[in-house]
Amino acid sequence: MVTEALTTRARRIKGNADAIFDWVASSDPRREHSLCRPADIKLRIGHITDMHVPSEVQLLERLRDFTTNDSLTDFAYKISAFSNAFLHEYSDTRELYTTILRKTLLGMRRAGVDHLSITGDLAHCGLETEFLEMQSVLRMTGWWDSGQLSVVPGNHDRFNLYERFAREPMETFFDVPSTRKPRFRELPGGVVLFEMDSNADRIDDRHFMEELFPNTVGRIYPEELAYFESQKEKFAGYRVITLMHHHLSDDWYDIGAETILGSLMGPVDGADTLMEATELIDPNAVFLHGHKHDLMVPDYTIGSHQISCPGGFAETLAVNFVDVTVNDEVVITQARVRV
């Protein structure tokens, strides 16, 4: 009955997703090169990450930061904040970027997506205006208050480059899990999302390099693994899809200076133990993440686990369609947004 209901709803969605997206690749080479909803699936999850909505930080406000006498650490911190604010690809064309985001999320509707997942870095500088802008896009495209939206925090959402000034936390604007407090979200068709905040605890477990290079190091905590184990009986037999921001491995992208310097863009600490924990419920659990702005090949796996990252939206303008078939197989299809 669940599968029939989802299929019926998908048929009612008018429009052609192929007019908005270009098909890139699929983990199933037999799949037709189309983004239209296949007939053999019971659930379609849309995955987008690292939108980095541009900020409205003013040039004079940032230049004023450099007029005070600071330590070398403070000066380096301000340089990082300054460059982050103004090097965004769409910083001078915010309205265009918002239009592209709206088009993308409407395209998800056309593609018959049942649930939208965002794996962090909605904001670029962690500012209230950025969260409100993304919230507005979600409202305009029908995802907000739909019950079909999952959001987990990214490091740009959490650390706030201007955290020395009081700002509203992400929780003021979005319903998200917090550090050490993950949660499960049950979806139709025997699928459960494991939503977690993979950012390190910035109060009790702050990385020493963040004083110079404010960029949260991902970490998996024992409390998160214990919570997963506590739910294994409730969700026995479910397909598990884990949503997190930080990546699990580094053999799929070019190693850059930011990775070598302090391991600030290295894989999340505790990746192996996290994958082992998910196997208590689903030996073939799937992981969706962001953080690295590189497009991962769609058939990438670690052991028995499918893992996918569509890259940073501002750079790649790419998305994932994660289909759970009637046989409980997961097929990941990548697409680029037509701009």
C-alpha atoms as a PDB file:
ATOM      1  CA  MET A   1       0.000   0.000   0.000  1.00  0.00           C
ATOM      2  CA  VAL A   2       2.837   2.406   0.873  1.00  0.00           C
ATOM      3  CA  THR A   3       4.538   1.799  -2.465  1.00  0.00           C
ATOM      4  CA  GLU A   4       1.264   2.323  -4.357  1.00  0.00           C
ATOM      5  CA  ALA A   5       0.603   5.607  -2.529  1.00  0.00           C
ATOM      6  CA  LEU A   6       4.071   6.959  -3.306  1.00  0.00           C
ATOM      7  CA  THR A   7       3.815   5.932  -6.953  1.00  0.00           C
ATOM      8  CA  THR A   8       0.389   7.547  -7.296  1.00  0.00           C
ATOM      9  CA  ARG A   9       1.644  10.798  -5.808  1.00  0.00           C
ATOM     10  CA  ALA A  10       4.650  10.786  -8.128  1.00  0.00           C
ATOM     11  CA  ARG A  11       2.377  10.438 -11.169  1.00  0.00           C
ATOM     12  CA  ARG A  12       0.469  13.557 -10.102  1.00  0.00           C
ATOM     13  CA  ILE A  13       3.617  15.683 -10.240  1.00  0.00           C
ATOM     14  CA  LYS A  14       3.623  17.512 -13.530  1.00  0.00           C
ATOM     15  CA  GLY A  15       6.707  18.537 -15.426  1.00  0.00           C
ATOM     16  CA  ASN A  16       9.888  16.973 -16.639  1.00  0.00           C
ATOM     17  CA  ALA A  17      12.912  16.880 -14.337  1.00  0.00           C
ATOM     18  CA  ASP A  18      15.171  16.482 -17.369  1.00  0.00           C
ATOM     19  CA  ALA A  19      14.347  20.075 -18.304  1.00  0.00           C
ATOM     20  CA  ILE A  20      16.013  21.255 -15.075  1.00  0.00           C
ATOM     21  CA  PHE A  21      18.809  18.724 -14.568  1.00  0.00           C
ATOM     22  CA  ASP A  22      21.394  17.077 -16.767  1.00  0.00           C
ATOM     23  CA  TRP A  23      21.910  13.391 -15.984  1.00  0.00           C
ATOM     24  CA  VAL A  24      25.555  12.749 -14.971  1.00  0.00           C
ATOM     25  CA  ALA A  25      25.960   9.149 -13.794  1.00  0.00           C
ATOM     26  CA  SER A  26      24.296   6.347 -11.856  1.00  0.00           C
ATOM     27  CA  SER A  27      25.478   3.582  -9.566  1.00  0.00           C
ATOM     28  CA  ASP A  28      23.378   1.251 -11.743  1.00  0.00           C
ATOM     29  CA  PRO A  29      24.791   1.303 -15.299  1.00  0.00           C
ATOM     30  CA  ARG A  30      21.545  -0.227 -16.591  1.00  0.00           C
ATOM     31  CA  ARG A  31      19.540   2.831 -15.583  1.00  0.00           C
ATOM     32  CA  GLU A  32      18.018   4.958 -18.312  1.00  0.00           C
ATOM     33  CA  HIS A  33      19.728   8.338 -18.659  1.00  0.00           C
ATOM     34  CA  SER A  34      16.729  10.208 -17.307  1.00  0.00           C
ATOM     35  CA  LEU A  35      15.822  11.869 -14.009  1.00  0.00           C
ATOM     36  CA  CYS A  36      12.173  10.876 -14.254  1.00  0.00           C
ATOM     37  CA  ARG A  37      11.049   8.706 -11.369  1.00  0.00           C
ATOM     38  CA  PRO A  38      11.587   5.010 -12.200  1.00  0.00           C
ATOM     39  CA  ALA A  39       8.665   2.607 -11.907  1.00  0.00           C
ATOM     40  CA  ASP A  40      10.566   0.083  -9.764  1.00  0.00           C
ATOM     41  CA  ILE A  41      11.229   2.271  -6.708  1.00  0.00           C
ATOM     42  CA  LYS A  42       9.290   2.722  -3.483  1.00  0.00           C
ATOM     43  CA  LEU A  43      11.117   5.786  -2.158  1.00  0.00           C
ATOM     44  CA  ARG A  44      13.124   8.613  -3.744  1.00  0.00           C
ATOM     45  CA  ILE A  45      15.346  10.835  -1.582  1.00  0.00           C
ATOM     46  CA  GLY A  46      16.772  14.059  -2.947  1.00  0.00           C
ATOM     47  CA  HIS A  47      20.220  14.973  -1.604  1.00  0.00           C
ATOM     48  CA  ILE A  48      21.810  18.409  -1.740  1.00  0.00           C
ATOM     49  CA  THR A  49      24.707  19.743   0.294  1.00  0.00           C
ATOM     50  CA  ASP A  50      27.004  22.706   0.955  1.00  0.00           C
ATOM     51  CA  MET A  51      24.850  25.450  -0.526  1.00  0.00           C
ATOM     52  CA  HIS A  52      26.886  28.087   1.358  1.00  0.00           C
ATOM     53  CA  VAL A  53      24.235  30.765   0.920  1.00  0.00           C
ATOM     54  CA  PRO A  54      26.230  34.005   0.418  1.00  0.00           C
ATOM     55  CA  SER A  55      26.385  36.425   3.287  1.00  0.00           C
ATOM     56  CA  GLU A  56      25.578  40.103   3.463  1.00  0.00           C
ATOM     57  CA  VAL A  57      28.739  40.950   5.341  1.00  0.00           C
ATOM     58  CA  GLN A  58      29.721  44.491   4.426  1.00  0.00           C
ATOM     59  CA  LEU A  59      33.209  45.361   3.222  1.00  0.00           C
ATOM     60  CA  LEU A  60      33.578  48.299   5.622  1.00  0.00           C
ATOM     61  CA  GLU A  61      32.492  46.118   8.534  1.00  0.00           C
ATOM     62  CA  ARG A  62      35.229  43.599   7.755  1.00  0.00           C
ATOM     63  CA  LEU A  63      37.898  46.246   7.128  1.00  0.00           C
ATOM     64  CA  ARG A  64      37.062  47.757  10.501  1.00  0.00           C
ATOM     65  CA  ASP A  65      38.185  44.492  12.089  1.00  0.00           C
ATOM     66  CA  PHE A  66      41.759  45.270  11.068  1.00  0.00           C
ATOM     67  CA  THR A  67      41.918  48.664  12.790  1.00  0.00           C
ATOM     68  CA  THR A  68      42.495  47.212  16.254  1.00  0.00           C
ATOM     69  CA  ASN A  69      45.775  45.932  17.656  1.00  0.00           C
ATOM     70  CA  ASP A  70      45.529  42.172  17.912  1.00  0.00           C
ATOM     71  CA  SER A  71      47.727  39.183  18.446  1.00  0.00           C
ATOM     72  CA  LEU A  72      48.977  37.176  15.479  1.00  0.00           C
ATOM     73  CA  THR A  73      46.273  34.605  16.216  1.00  0.00           C
ATOM     74  CA  ASP A  74      43.505  37.209  16.109  1.00  0.00           C
ATOM     75  CA  PHE A  75      44.908  38.699  12.911  1.00  0.00           C
ATOM     76  CA  ALA A  76      44.994  35.285  11.193  1.00  0.00           C
ATOM     77  CA  TYR A  77      41.427  34.656  12.353  1.00  0.00           C
ATOM     78  CA  LYS A  78      40.246  37.914  10.805  1.00  0.00           C
ATOM     79  CA  ILE A  79      42.036  37.196   7.535  1.00  0.00           C
ATOM     80  CA  SER A  80      40.205  33.871   7.348  1.00  0.00           C
ATOM     81  CA  ALA A  81      36.851  35.517   8.064  1.00  0.00           C
ATOM     82  CA  PHE A  82      37.486  38.271   5.528  1.00  0.00           C
ATOM     83  CA  SER A  83      38.469  35.918   2.705  1.00  0.00           C
ATOM     84  CA  ASN A  84      35.605  33.530   3.413  1.00  0.00           C
ATOM     85  CA  ALA A  85      33.029  36.291   3.184  1.00  0.00           C
ATOM     86  CA  PHE A  86      34.150  37.716  -0.140  1.00  0.00           C
ATOM     87  CA  LEU A  87      35.465  34.746  -2.111  1.00  0.00           C
ATOM     88  CA  HIS A  88      32.077  33.060  -2.526  1.00  0.00           C
ATOM     89  CA  GLU A  89      31.433  32.427  -6.209  1.00  0.00           C
ATOM     90  CA  TYR A  90      28.005  34.088  -6.012  1.00  0.00           C
ATOM     91  CA  SER A  91      28.722  36.798  -3.414  1.00  0.00           C
ATOM     92  CA  ASP A  92      27.967  39.545  -5.952  1.00  0.00           C
ATOM     93  CA  THR A  93      24.938  37.808  -7.445  1.00  0.00           C
ATOM     94  CA  ARG A  94      22.954  36.676  -4.424  1.00  0.00           C
ATOM     95  CA  GLU A  95      19.592  36.952  -6.190  1.00  0.00           C
ATOM     96  CA  LEU A  96      20.832  34.756  -9.023  1.00  0.00           C
ATOM     97  CA  TYR A  97      22.014  32.133  -6.547  1.00  0.00           C
ATOM     98  CA  THR A  98      18.663  32.166  -4.751  1.00  0.00           C
ATOM     99  CA  THR A  99      16.923  31.684  -8.098  1.00  0.00           C
ATOM    100  CA  ILE A 100      19.144  28.689  -8.880  1.00  0.00           C
ATOM    101  CA  LEU A 101      18.359  27.161  -5.481  1.00  0.00           C
ATOM    102  CA  ARG A 102      14.623  27.614  -6.031  1.00  0.00           C
ATOM    103  CA  LYS A 103      14.888  26.047  -9.463  1.00  0.00           C
ATOM    104  CA  THR A 104      16.791  23.086  -8.015  1.00  0.00           C
ATOM    105  CA  LEU A 105      14.306  22.404  -5.236  1.00  0.00           C
ATOM    106  CA  LEU A 106      11.355  22.730  -7.601  1.00  0.00           C
ATOM    107  CA  GLY A 107      13.196  20.293  -9.868  1.00  0.00           C
ATOM    108  CA  MET A 108      13.273  17.850  -6.985  1.00  0.00           C
ATOM    109  CA  ARG A 109       9.487  18.027  -6.933  1.00  0.00           C
ATOM    110  CA  ARG A 110       9.300  17.382 -10.665  1.00  0.00           C
ATOM    111  CA  ALA A 111      11.574  14.376 -10.236  1.00  0.00           C
ATOM    112  CA  GLY A 112       9.135  12.793  -7.783  1.00  0.00           C
ATOM    113  CA  VAL A 113      11.317  13.166  -4.686  1.00  0.00           C
ATOM    114  CA  ASP A 114       9.564  11.943  -1.529  1.00  0.00           C
ATOM    115  CA  HIS A 115      12.035  13.342   0.993  1.00  0.00           C
ATOM    116  CA  LEU A 116      14.661  16.086   0.766  1.00  0.00           C
ATOM    117  CA  SER A 117      17.933  15.706   2.695  1.00  0.00           C
ATOM    118  CA  ILE A 118      20.437  18.534   3.201  1.00  0.00           C
ATOM    119  CA  THR A 119      23.787  17.492   4.663  1.00  0.00           C
ATOM    120  CA  GLY A 120      25.071  20.768   6.038  1.00  0.00           C
ATOM    121  CA  ASP A 121      26.708  24.098   5.241  1.00  0.00           C
ATOM    122  CA  LEU A 122      23.463  25.798   4.356  1.00  0.00           C
ATOM    123  CA  ALA A 123      25.094  29.041   5.522  1.00  0.00           C
ATOM    124  CA  HIS A 124      28.429  30.426   4.366  1.00  0.00           C
ATOM    125  CA  CYS A 125      29.420  32.520   7.377  1.00  0.00           C
ATOM    126  CA  GLY A 126      26.933  31.169   9.935  1.00  0.00           C
ATOM    127  CA  LEU A 127      24.911  34.396   9.887  1.00  0.00           C
ATOM    128  CA  GLU A 128      21.213  34.755  10.626  1.00  0.00           C
ATOM    129  CA  THR A 129      20.486  36.327   7.238  1.00  0.00           C
ATOM    130  CA  GLU A 130      21.908  33.279   5.470  1.00  0.00           C
ATOM    131  CA  PHE A 131      19.735  30.854   7.441  1.00  0.00           C
ATOM    132  CA  LEU A 132      16.664  33.009   6.776  1.00  0.00           C
ATOM    133  CA  GLU A 133      17.449  33.120   3.052  1.00  0.00           C
ATOM    134  CA  MET A 134      17.648  29.322   2.855  1.00  0.00           C
ATOM    135  CA  GLN A 135      14.518  28.991   4.948  1.00  0.00           C
ATOM    136  CA  SER A 136      12.710  31.291   2.509  1.00  0.00           C
ATOM    137  CA  VAL A 137      13.807  29.171  -0.476  1.00  0.00           C
ATOM    138  CA  LEU A 138      12.474  26.046   1.213  1.00  0.00           C
ATOM    139  CA  ARG A 139       9.159  27.769   1.955  1.00  0.00           C
ATOM    140  CA  MET A 140       8.744  29.005  -1.611  1.00  0.00           C
ATOM    141  CA  THR A 141       9.374  25.531  -3.033  1.00  0.00           C
ATOM    142  CA  GLY A 142       7.031  23.710  -0.654  1.00  0.00           C
ATOM    143  CA  TRP A 143       9.593  21.747   1.364  1.00  0.00           C
ATOM    144  CA  TRP A 144       9.318  23.785   4.566  1.00  0.00           C
ATOM    145  CA  ASP A 145       6.742  22.365   7.023  1.00  0.00           C
ATOM    146  CA  SER A 146       6.103  19.508   4.596  1.00  0.00           C
ATOM    147  CA  GLY A 147       7.313  16.771   6.926  1.00  0.00           C
ATOM    148  CA  GLN A 148       9.560  15.693   4.041  1.00  0.00           C
ATOM    149  CA  LEU A 149      12.719  17.584   5.005  1.00  0.00           C
ATOM    150  CA  SER A 150      15.845  16.524   6.915  1.00  0.00           C
ATOM    151  CA  VAL A 151      18.697  18.915   7.705  1.00  0.00           C
ATOM    152  CA  VAL A 152      21.945  18.198   9.540  1.00  0.00           C
ATOM    153  CA  PRO A 153      24.495  20.896  10.485  1.00  0.00           C
ATOM    154  CA  GLY A 154      27.751  21.572   8.679  1.00  0.00           C
ATOM    155  CA  ASN A 155      30.834  23.276  10.042  1.00  0.00           C
ATOM    156  CA  HIS A 156      29.936  26.604   8.408  1.00  0.00           C
ATOM    157  CA  ASP A 157      26.545  26.401  10.118  1.00  0.00           C
ATOM    158  CA  ARG A 158      28.170  25.732  13.471  1.00  0.00           C
ATOM    159  CA  PHE A 159      31.409  27.606  13.917  1.00  0.00           C
ATOM    160  CA  ASN A 160      30.277  31.050  12.693  1.00  0.00           C
ATOM    161  CA  LEU A 161      33.291  32.978  11.425  1.00  0.00           C
ATOM    162  CA  TYR A 162      32.124  35.891  13.552  1.00  0.00           C
ATOM    163  CA  GLU A 163      31.446  33.817  16.660  1.00  0.00           C
ATOM    164  CA  ARG A 164      33.220  36.366  18.864  1.00  0.00           C
ATOM    165  CA  PHE A 165      30.073  38.397  18.344  1.00  0.00           C
ATOM    166  CA  ALA A 166      26.834  36.930  19.640  1.00  0.00           C
ATOM    167  CA  ARG A 167      24.777  35.246  16.906  1.00  0.00           C
ATOM    168  CA  GLU A 168      21.648  33.118  16.872  1.00  0.00           C
ATOM    169  CA  PRO A 169      22.462  29.376  16.598  1.00  0.00           C
ATOM    170  CA  MET A 170      21.266  27.235  13.705  1.00  0.00           C
ATOM    171  CA  GLU A 171      18.595  25.678  15.958  1.00  0.00           C
ATOM    172  CA  THR A 172      16.771  29.015  15.966  1.00  0.00           C
ATOM    173  CA  PHE A 173      16.017  28.510  12.275  1.00  0.00           C
ATOM    174  CA  PHE A 174      16.173  24.757  11.579  1.00  0.00           C
ATOM    175  CA  ASP A 175      15.192  21.560  13.360  1.00  0.00           C
ATOM    176  CA  VAL A 176      18.556  19.775  13.456  1.00  0.00           C
ATOM    177  CA  PRO A 177      20.293  17.124  15.576  1.00  0.00           C
ATOM    178  CA  SER A 178      23.011  18.352  17.917  1.00  0.00           C
ATOM    179  CA  THR A 179      26.476  17.120  18.810  1.00  0.00           C
ATOM    180  CA  ARG A 180      26.294  13.805  20.702  1.00  0.00           C
ATOM    181  CA  LYS A 181      22.495  13.738  20.218  1.00  0.00           C
ATOM    182  CA  PRO A 182      21.614  12.045  16.895  1.00  0.00           C
ATOM    183  CA  ARG A 183      18.153  10.829  15.966  1.00  0.00           C
ATOM    184  CA  PHE A 184      16.287   8.433  13.700  1.00  0.00           C
ATOM    185  CA  ARG A 185      13.585   9.520  11.245  1.00  0.00           C
ATOM    186  CA  GLU A 186      11.361   6.748   9.926  1.00  0.00           C
ATOM    187  CA  LEU A 187      10.301   7.018   6.286  1.00  0.00           C
ATOM    188  CA  PRO A 188       7.775   4.941   4.315  1.00  0.00           C
ATOM    189  CA  GLY A 189       8.864   1.691   2.726  1.00  0.00           C
ATOM    190  CA  GLY A 190      11.012   0.354   5.579  1.00  0.00           C
ATOM    191  CA  VAL A 191      13.667   3.086   5.396  1.00  0.00           C
ATOM    192  CA  VAL A 192      15.075   5.015   8.329  1.00  0.00           C
ATOM    193  CA  LEU A 193      17.328   8.080   8.255  1.00  0.00           C
ATOM    194  CA  PHE A 194      20.033   8.350  10.893  1.00  0.00           C
ATOM    195  CA  GLU A 195      20.523  12.122  11.276  1.00  0.00           C
ATOM    196  CA  MET A 196      23.666  13.212  13.092  1.00  0.00           C
ATOM    197  CA  ASP A 197      25.722  16.314  13.779  1.00  0.00           C
ATOM    198  CA  SER A 198      29.246  15.224  12.849  1.00  0.00           C
ATOM    199  CA  ASN A 199      30.839  18.485  13.995  1.00  0.00           C
ATOM    200  CA  ALA A 200      33.227  18.324  16.912  1.00  0.00           C
ATOM    201  CA  ASP A 201      31.940  19.795  20.169  1.00  0.00           C
ATOM    202  CA  ARG A 202      33.318  23.335  20.067  1.00  0.00           C
ATOM    203  CA  ILE A 203      32.904  23.885  23.802  1.00  0.00           C
ATOM    204  CA  ASP A 204      34.257  20.694  25.349  1.00  0.00           C
ATOM    205  CA  ASP A 205      36.355  19.331  22.497  1.00  0.00           C
ATOM    206  CA  ARG A 206      37.693  22.219  20.449  1.00  0.00           C
ATOM    207  CA  HIS A 207      40.425  21.447  17.899  1.00  0.00           C
ATOM    208  CA  PHE A 208      43.630  23.419  18.550  1.00  0.00           C
ATOM    209  CA  MET A 209      43.987  24.443  14.883  1.00  0.00           C
ATOM    210  CA  GLU A 210      40.657  26.250  14.905  1.00  0.00           C
ATOM    211  CA  GLU A 211      42.200  29.237  16.654  1.00  0.00           C
ATOM    212  CA  LEU A 212      44.088  29.957  13.429  1.00  0.00           C
ATOM    213  CA  PHE A 213      41.883  28.270  10.832  1.00  0.00           C
ATOM    214  CA  PRO A 214      38.245  28.183  11.989  1.00  0.00           C
ATOM    215  CA  ASN A 215      37.030  25.009  10.369  1.00  0.00           C
ATOM    216  CA  THR A 216      35.321  22.354  12.463  1.00  0.00           C
ATOM    217  CA  VAL A 217      37.003  18.958  12.538  1.00  0.00           C
ATOM    218  CA  GLY A 218      34.434  16.166  12.215  1.00  0.00           C
ATOM    219  CA  ARG A 219      34.140  13.642  15.015  1.00  0.00           C
ATOM    220  CA  ILE A 220      31.970  10.671  15.983  1.00  0.00           C
ATOM    221  CA  TYR A 221      31.325  10.393  19.717  1.00  0.00           C
ATOM    222  CA  PRO A 222      30.598   7.264  21.804  1.00  0.00           C
ATOM    223  CA  GLU A 223      27.174   8.645  22.731  1.00  0.00           C
ATOM    224  CA  GLU A 224      26.154   8.574  19.061  1.00  0.00           C
ATOM    225  CA  LEU A 225      27.252   4.978  18.635  1.00  0.00           C
ATOM    226  CA  ALA A 226      25.474   3.987  21.849  1.00  0.00           C
ATOM    227  CA  TYR A 227      22.259   5.607  20.638  1.00  0.00           C
ATOM    228  CA  PHE A 228      22.437   3.688  17.381  1.00  0.00           C
ATOM    229  CA  GLU A 229      22.870   0.400  19.238  1.00  0.00           C
ATOM    230  CA  SER A 230      19.916   1.218  21.498  1.00  0.00           C
ATOM    231  CA  GLN A 231      17.635   1.405  18.444  1.00  0.00           C
ATOM    232  CA  LYS A 232      18.711  -1.821  16.749  1.00  0.00           C
ATOM    233  CA  GLU A 233      15.713  -3.858  17.875  1.00  0.00           C
ATOM    234  CA  LYS A 234      13.183  -1.173  16.941  1.00  0.00           C
ATOM    235  CA  PHE A 235      14.505  -0.820  13.398  1.00  0.00           C
ATOM    236  CA  ALA A 236      15.637  -4.364  12.709  1.00  0.00           C
ATOM    237  CA  GLY A 237      15.238  -5.125   9.002  1.00  0.00           C
ATOM    238  CA  TYR A 238      15.109  -1.469   7.920  1.00  0.00           C
ATOM    239  CA  ARG A 239      17.330   0.083   5.271  1.00  0.00           C
ATOM    240  CA  VAL A 240      19.504   2.689   7.010  1.00  0.00           C
ATOM    241  CA  ILE A 241      20.620   5.907   5.329  1.00  0.00           C
ATOM    242  CA  THR A 242      22.934   8.050   7.448  1.00  0.00           C
ATOM    243  CA  LEU A 243      22.987  11.816   6.954  1.00  0.00           C
ATOM    244  CA  MET A 244      26.118  13.622   8.123  1.00  0.00           C
ATOM    245  CA  HIS A 245      28.250  16.531   6.970  1.00  0.00           C
ATOM    246  CA  HIS A 246      31.834  15.289   7.170  1.00  0.00           C
ATOM    247  CA  HIS A 247      33.310  12.776   4.779  1.00  0.00           C
ATOM    248  CA  LEU A 248      34.384   9.246   5.698  1.00  0.00           C
ATOM    249  CA  SER A 249      37.424   8.743   3.473  1.00  0.00           C
ATOM    250  CA  ASP A 250      40.018  10.604   1.392  1.00  0.00           C
ATOM    251  CA  ASP A 251      40.792   8.302  -1.551  1.00  0.00           C
ATOM    252  CA  TRP A 252      38.251   9.895  -3.890  1.00  0.00           C
ATOM    253  CA  TYR A 253      39.500  13.497  -4.099  1.00  0.00           C
ATOM    254  CA  ASP A 254      42.779  15.316  -4.624  1.00  0.00           C
ATOM    255  CA  ILE A 255      44.609  16.091  -1.383  1.00  0.00           C
ATOM    256  CA  GLY A 256      45.009  19.855  -0.969  1.00  0.00           C
ATOM    257  CA  ALA A 257      46.837  22.162   1.395  1.00  0.00           C
ATOM    258  CA  GLU A 258      43.845  22.443   3.717  1.00  0.00           C
ATOM    259  CA  THR A 259      43.943  18.675   4.292  1.00  0.00           C
ATOM    260  CA  ILE A 260      47.659  18.516   5.005  1.00  0.00           C
ATOM    261  CA  LEU A 261      47.631  21.561   7.281  1.00  0.00           C
ATOM    262  CA  GLY A 262      46.186  20.388  10.570  1.00  0.00           C
ATOM    263  CA  SER A 263      43.955  17.754   8.943  1.00  0.00           C
ATOM    264  CA  LEU A 264      41.202  20.354   8.844  1.00  0.00           C
ATOM    265  CA  MET A 265      39.594  18.787   5.796  1.00  0.00           C
ATOM    266  CA  GLY A 266      40.511  15.191   6.546  1.00  0.00           C
ATOM    267  CA  PRO A 267      37.954  12.409   7.080  1.00  0.00           C
ATOM    268  CA  VAL A 268      35.790  12.437  10.177  1.00  0.00           C
ATOM    269  CA  ASP A 269      37.337  10.923  13.284  1.00  0.00           C
ATOM    270  CA  GLY A 270      35.673   7.604  14.099  1.00  0.00           C
ATOM    271  CA  ALA A 271      34.483   6.729  10.584  1.00  0.00           C
ATOM    272  CA  ASP A 272      35.251   3.009  10.955  1.00  0.00           C
ATOM    273  CA  THR A 273      33.403   2.633  14.252  1.00  0.00           C
ATOM    274  CA  LEU A 274      30.392   4.483  12.834  1.00  0.00           C
ATOM    275  CA  MET A 275      30.154   2.115   9.876  1.00  0.00           C
ATOM    276  CA  GLU A 276      30.481  -0.871  12.192  1.00  0.00           C
ATOM    277  CA  ALA A 277      27.669   0.473  14.370  1.00  0.00           C
ATOM    278  CA  THR A 278      25.258   0.899  11.452  1.00  0.00           C
ATOM    279  CA  GLU A 279      25.788  -2.745  10.533  1.00  0.00           C
ATOM    280  CA  LEU A 280      23.909  -3.696  13.690  1.00  0.00           C
ATOM    281  CA  ILE A 281      20.729  -2.715  11.827  1.00  0.00           C
ATOM    282  CA  ASP A 282      21.693  -2.708   8.150  1.00  0.00           C
ATOM    283  CA  PRO A 283      24.876  -4.471   6.951  1.00  0.00           C
ATOM    284  CA  ASN A 284      24.650  -2.373   3.772  1.00  0.00           C
ATOM    285  CA  ALA A 285      23.852   1.006   5.324  1.00  0.00           C
ATOM    286  CA  VAL A 286      24.184   4.009   2.999  1.00  0.00           C
ATOM    287  CA  PHE A 287      25.987   7.254   3.898  1.00  0.00           C
ATOM    288  CA  LEU A 288      25.207  10.675   2.418  1.00  0.00           C
ATOM    289  CA  HIS A 289      27.529  13.568   3.263  1.00  0.00           C
ATOM    290  CA  GLY A 290      29.082  16.821   2.065  1.00  0.00           C
ATOM    291  CA  HIS A 291      32.009  18.958   3.338  1.00  0.00           C
ATOM    292  CA  LYS A 292      34.367  18.210   0.427  1.00  0.00           C
ATOM    293  CA  HIS A 293      33.328  20.173  -2.643  1.00  0.00           C
ATOM    294  CA  ASP A 294      34.105  17.333  -5.006  1.00  0.00           C
ATOM    295  CA  LEU A 295      31.674  15.156  -6.940  1.00  0.00           C
ATOM    296  CA  MET A 296      32.091  11.553  -5.814  1.00  0.00           C
ATOM    297  CA  VAL A 297      31.605   8.781  -8.366  1.00  0.00           C
ATOM    298  CA  PRO A 298      28.120   7.302  -7.825  1.00  0.00           C
ATOM    299  CA  ASP A 299      29.262   3.711  -7.327  1.00  0.00           C
ATOM    300  CA  TYR A 300      31.776   4.532  -4.580  1.00  0.00           C
ATOM    301  CA  THR A 301      31.737   2.069  -1.682  1.00  0.00           C
ATOM    302  CA  ILE A 302      33.635   1.252   1.496  1.00  0.00           C
ATOM    303  CA  GLY A 303      33.187  -2.435   2.193  1.00  0.00           C
ATOM    304  CA  SER A 304      29.458  -3.072   1.850  1.00  0.00           C
ATOM    305  CA  HIS A 305      28.471   0.577   2.298  1.00  0.00           C
ATOM    306  CA  GLN A 306      27.411   2.895  -0.513  1.00  0.00           C
ATOM    307  CA  ILE A 307      28.657   6.427   0.126  1.00  0.00           C
ATOM    308  CA  SER A 308      27.839   9.553  -1.825  1.00  0.00           C
ATOM    309  CA  CYS A 309      28.659  13.261  -1.954  1.00  0.00           C
ATOM    310  CA  PRO A 310      27.365  15.567  -4.729  1.00  0.00           C
ATOM    311  CA  GLY A 311      29.971  18.205  -3.888  1.00  0.00           C
ATOM    312  CA  GLY A 312      29.638  21.834  -2.920  1.00  0.00           C
ATOM    313  CA  PHE A 313      26.563  23.289  -4.549  1.00  0.00           C
ATOM    314  CA  ALA A 314      28.080  26.673  -5.315  1.00  0.00           C
ATOM    315  CA  GLU A 315      30.946  25.041  -7.179  1.00  0.00           C
ATOM    316  CA  THR A 316      29.411  21.974  -8.810  1.00  0.00           C
ATOM    317  CA  LEU A 317      25.667  22.741  -8.839  1.00  0.00           C
ATOM    318  CA  ALA A 318      25.095  19.014  -8.517  1.00  0.00           C
ATOM    319  CA  VAL A 319      22.553  16.890  -6.642  1.00  0.00           C
ATOM    320  CA  ASN A 320      21.847  13.244  -5.833  1.00  0.00           C
ATOM    321  CA  PHE A 321      18.721  11.187  -6.356  1.00  0.00           C
ATOM    322  CA  VAL A 322      18.778   8.223  -3.975  1.00  0.00           C
ATOM    323  CA  ASP A 323      16.263   5.575  -5.002  1.00  0.00           C
ATOM    324  CA  VAL A 324      15.223   2.622  -2.847  1.00  0.00           C
ATOM    325  CA  THR A 325      13.827  -0.072  -5.145  1.00  0.00           C
ATOM    326  CA  VAL A 326      11.022  -2.491  -4.380  1.00  0.00           C
ATOM    327  CA  ASN A 327      13.783  -5.057  -3.777  1.00  0.00           C
ATOM    328  CA  ASP A 328      15.415  -2.797  -1.142  1.00  0.00           C
ATOM    329  CA  GLU A 329      18.389  -2.000  -3.365  1.00  0.00           C
ATOM    330  CA  VAL A 330      19.710   1.574  -3.347  1.00  0.00           C
ATOM    331  CA  VAL A 331      20.550   3.304  -6.640  1.00  0.00           C
ATOM    332  CA  ILE A 332      22.281   6.691  -6.559  1.00  0.00           C
ATOM    333  CA  THR A 333      21.982   8.955  -9.581  1.00  0.00           C
ATOM    334  CA  GLN A 334      23.850  12.236  -9.966  1.00  0.00           C
ATOM    335  CA  ALA A 335      22.608  15.260 -11.862  1.00  0.00           C
ATOM    336  CA  ARG A 336      23.810  18.794 -12.568  1.00  0.00           C
ATOM    337  CA  VAL A 337      21.529  21.792 -12.458  1.00  0.00           C
ATOM    338  CA  ARG A 338      21.070  23.575 -15.757  1.00  0.00           C
ATOM    339  CA  VAL A 339      21.967  27.226 -15.161  1.00  0.00           C
END
